[in-house]
Amino acid sequence: MTRRLIAPLAALALLTFSAPAVAQTAPSAAAKAYIINEITVTDPAAYADYVRQAPAVVEAFGGRYIVRAGAVTPMIGEPPTARIVVVEFPSHQAAANFLASPEYQAILPIRQAASTSRAYIVDGVAP
């Protein structure tokens, strides 16, 4: 009787502890992805050149700006001190392709010389 109970419980435990990890780390093919940028501009004139060139590259990879340094209203905690930019892409892979593309890599040094920043890809929720 004990053996009959242990096997199903072991299988249930395996599903319980492994399924959430897979669901959290594997982005859905239907989910959009977002590049979140926190940017502190140190040279506005040079940064303007980057801002002029970036939209065409973003669009070429299926991206679109969702937030581009709009007003921030702090609700909980301290407000960010950096410029916030959010770019939506059709998928995590499209966002990664954009960041790695020769087109973006060509203008990235302008951004790096004119600012300090953090940027990361965040997977959206599948519809």
Protein backbone atom coordinates (compact mmCIF):
# COMPACT_ATOMS: atom_id res chain seq x y z
CA MET A 1 0.00 0.00 0.00
CA THR A 2 2.82 2.43 0.84
CA ARG A 3 4.55 1.86 -2.52
CA ARG A 4 1.32 2.61 -4.37
CA LEU A 5 1.06 5.94 -2.56
CA ILE A 6 4.72 7.02 -2.84
CA ALA A 7 4.98 6.80 -6.64
CA PRO A 8 2.02 9.13 -7.35
CA LEU A 9 3.20 11.54 -4.66
CA ALA A 10 6.71 11.61 -6.13
CA ALA A 11 5.29 12.34 -9.58
CA LEU A 12 3.09 15.10 -8.16
CA ALA A 13 6.07 16.62 -6.33
CA LEU A 14 8.13 16.59 -9.51
CA LEU A 15 5.38 18.42 -11.40
CA THR A 16 4.78 20.86 -8.57
CA PHE A 17 8.41 21.90 -8.19
CA SER A 18 9.54 21.85 -11.82
CA ALA A 19 6.56 23.25 -13.75
CA PRO A 20 6.60 26.79 -12.28
CA ALA A 21 10.31 27.19 -13.06
CA VAL A 22 9.73 26.29 -16.69
CA ALA A 23 6.73 28.62 -16.95
CA GLN A 24 8.72 31.53 -15.50
CA THR A 25 11.84 31.15 -17.62
CA ALA A 26 10.42 30.15 -21.00
CA PRO A 27 8.82 33.14 -22.75
CA SER A 28 5.66 32.43 -24.68
CA ALA A 29 5.96 32.62 -28.45
CA ALA A 30 2.93 34.95 -28.43
CA ALA A 31 4.30 37.27 -25.73
CA LYS A 32 5.75 40.62 -26.67
CA ALA A 33 9.01 41.75 -25.11
CA TYR A 34 10.12 45.13 -23.89
CA ILE A 35 13.50 46.76 -23.66
CA ILE A 36 13.49 48.91 -20.55
CA ASN A 37 16.11 51.66 -20.47
CA GLU A 38 17.13 53.94 -17.60
CA ILE A 39 19.35 56.59 -19.14
CA THR A 40 21.22 59.48 -17.55
CA VAL A 41 22.25 61.85 -20.31
CA THR A 42 25.67 63.39 -19.70
CA ASP A 43 26.12 65.12 -23.08
CA PRO A 44 22.75 66.32 -24.45
CA ALA A 45 24.14 67.52 -27.79
CA ALA A 46 25.78 64.18 -28.59
CA TYR A 47 22.80 62.24 -27.23
CA ALA A 48 20.52 64.15 -29.63
CA ASP A 49 22.40 62.51 -32.51
CA TYR A 50 21.61 59.06 -31.06
CA VAL A 51 17.94 60.02 -30.54
CA ARG A 52 17.75 61.11 -34.19
CA GLN A 53 19.09 57.77 -35.50
CA ALA A 54 17.58 55.21 -33.11
CA PRO A 55 13.89 55.24 -34.21
CA ALA A 56 14.63 53.96 -37.72
CA VAL A 57 16.62 51.04 -36.32
CA VAL A 58 13.94 50.26 -33.72
CA GLU A 59 11.26 50.20 -36.43
CA ALA A 60 13.39 48.04 -38.75
CA PHE A 61 13.28 45.29 -36.09
CA GLY A 62 9.53 45.55 -35.46
CA GLY A 63 9.87 47.75 -32.39
CA ARG A 64 7.90 50.76 -31.30
CA TYR A 65 8.38 53.25 -28.51
CA ILE A 66 5.89 52.90 -25.66
CA VAL A 67 7.59 55.37 -23.30
CA ARG A 68 10.16 57.89 -24.39
CA ALA A 69 11.20 60.00 -21.41
CA GLY A 70 7.69 61.06 -20.44
CA ALA A 71 6.76 62.66 -17.15
CA VAL A 72 7.20 60.38 -14.12
CA THR A 73 4.77 60.58 -11.19
CA PRO A 74 6.27 58.82 -8.17
CA MET A 75 3.74 56.65 -6.37
CA ILE A 76 5.83 54.36 -4.12
CA GLY A 77 9.45 55.00 -3.24
CA GLU A 78 11.81 57.47 -4.82
CA PRO A 79 11.27 58.53 -8.43
CA PRO A 80 13.87 57.45 -10.96
CA THR A 81 16.56 60.02 -11.60
CA ALA A 82 17.16 58.76 -15.12
CA ARG A 83 15.29 59.14 -18.38
CA ILE A 84 12.95 56.13 -18.86
CA VAL A 85 12.51 54.60 -22.32
CA VAL A 86 10.42 51.50 -23.04
CA VAL A 87 10.49 49.89 -26.49
CA GLU A 88 8.05 47.11 -27.41
CA PHE A 89 9.07 44.28 -29.74
CA PRO A 90 7.01 41.41 -31.14
CA SER A 91 9.10 38.86 -29.22
CA HIS A 92 12.10 38.38 -26.95
CA GLN A 93 14.11 37.20 -29.95
CA ALA A 94 13.22 40.33 -31.95
CA ALA A 95 14.41 42.53 -29.06
CA ALA A 96 17.65 40.56 -28.77
CA ASN A 97 18.15 40.72 -32.55
CA PHE A 98 17.71 44.50 -32.43
CA LEU A 99 20.33 44.91 -29.68
CA ALA A 100 22.83 42.66 -31.47
CA SER A 101 22.23 44.06 -34.95
CA PRO A 102 25.02 45.80 -36.86
CA GLU A 103 22.67 48.75 -37.35
CA TYR A 104 22.20 49.26 -33.62
CA GLN A 105 25.81 48.46 -32.77
CA ALA A 106 26.82 51.26 -35.17
CA ILE A 107 24.95 53.92 -33.14
CA LEU A 108 25.39 52.43 -29.65
CA PRO A 109 28.80 54.10 -29.12
CA ILE A 110 27.09 57.49 -29.47
CA ARG A 111 24.70 56.59 -26.64
CA GLN A 112 27.50 55.17 -24.51
CA ALA A 113 29.65 58.30 -24.93
CA ALA A 114 26.75 60.65 -24.18
CA SER A 115 25.10 58.83 -21.27
CA THR A 116 25.21 56.18 -18.60
CA SER A 117 22.45 53.63 -18.57
CA ARG A 118 20.93 50.31 -17.64
CA ALA A 119 18.94 48.36 -20.20
CA TYR A 120 17.23 44.99 -20.04
CA ILE A 121 14.71 42.86 -21.92
CA VAL A 122 11.51 41.98 -20.09
CA ASP A 123 9.07 39.42 -21.45
CA GLY A 124 5.44 40.51 -21.60
CA VAL A 125 2.42 38.46 -20.63
CA ALA A 126 0.96 36.33 -23.40
CA PRO A 127 -2.50 37.48 -24.48
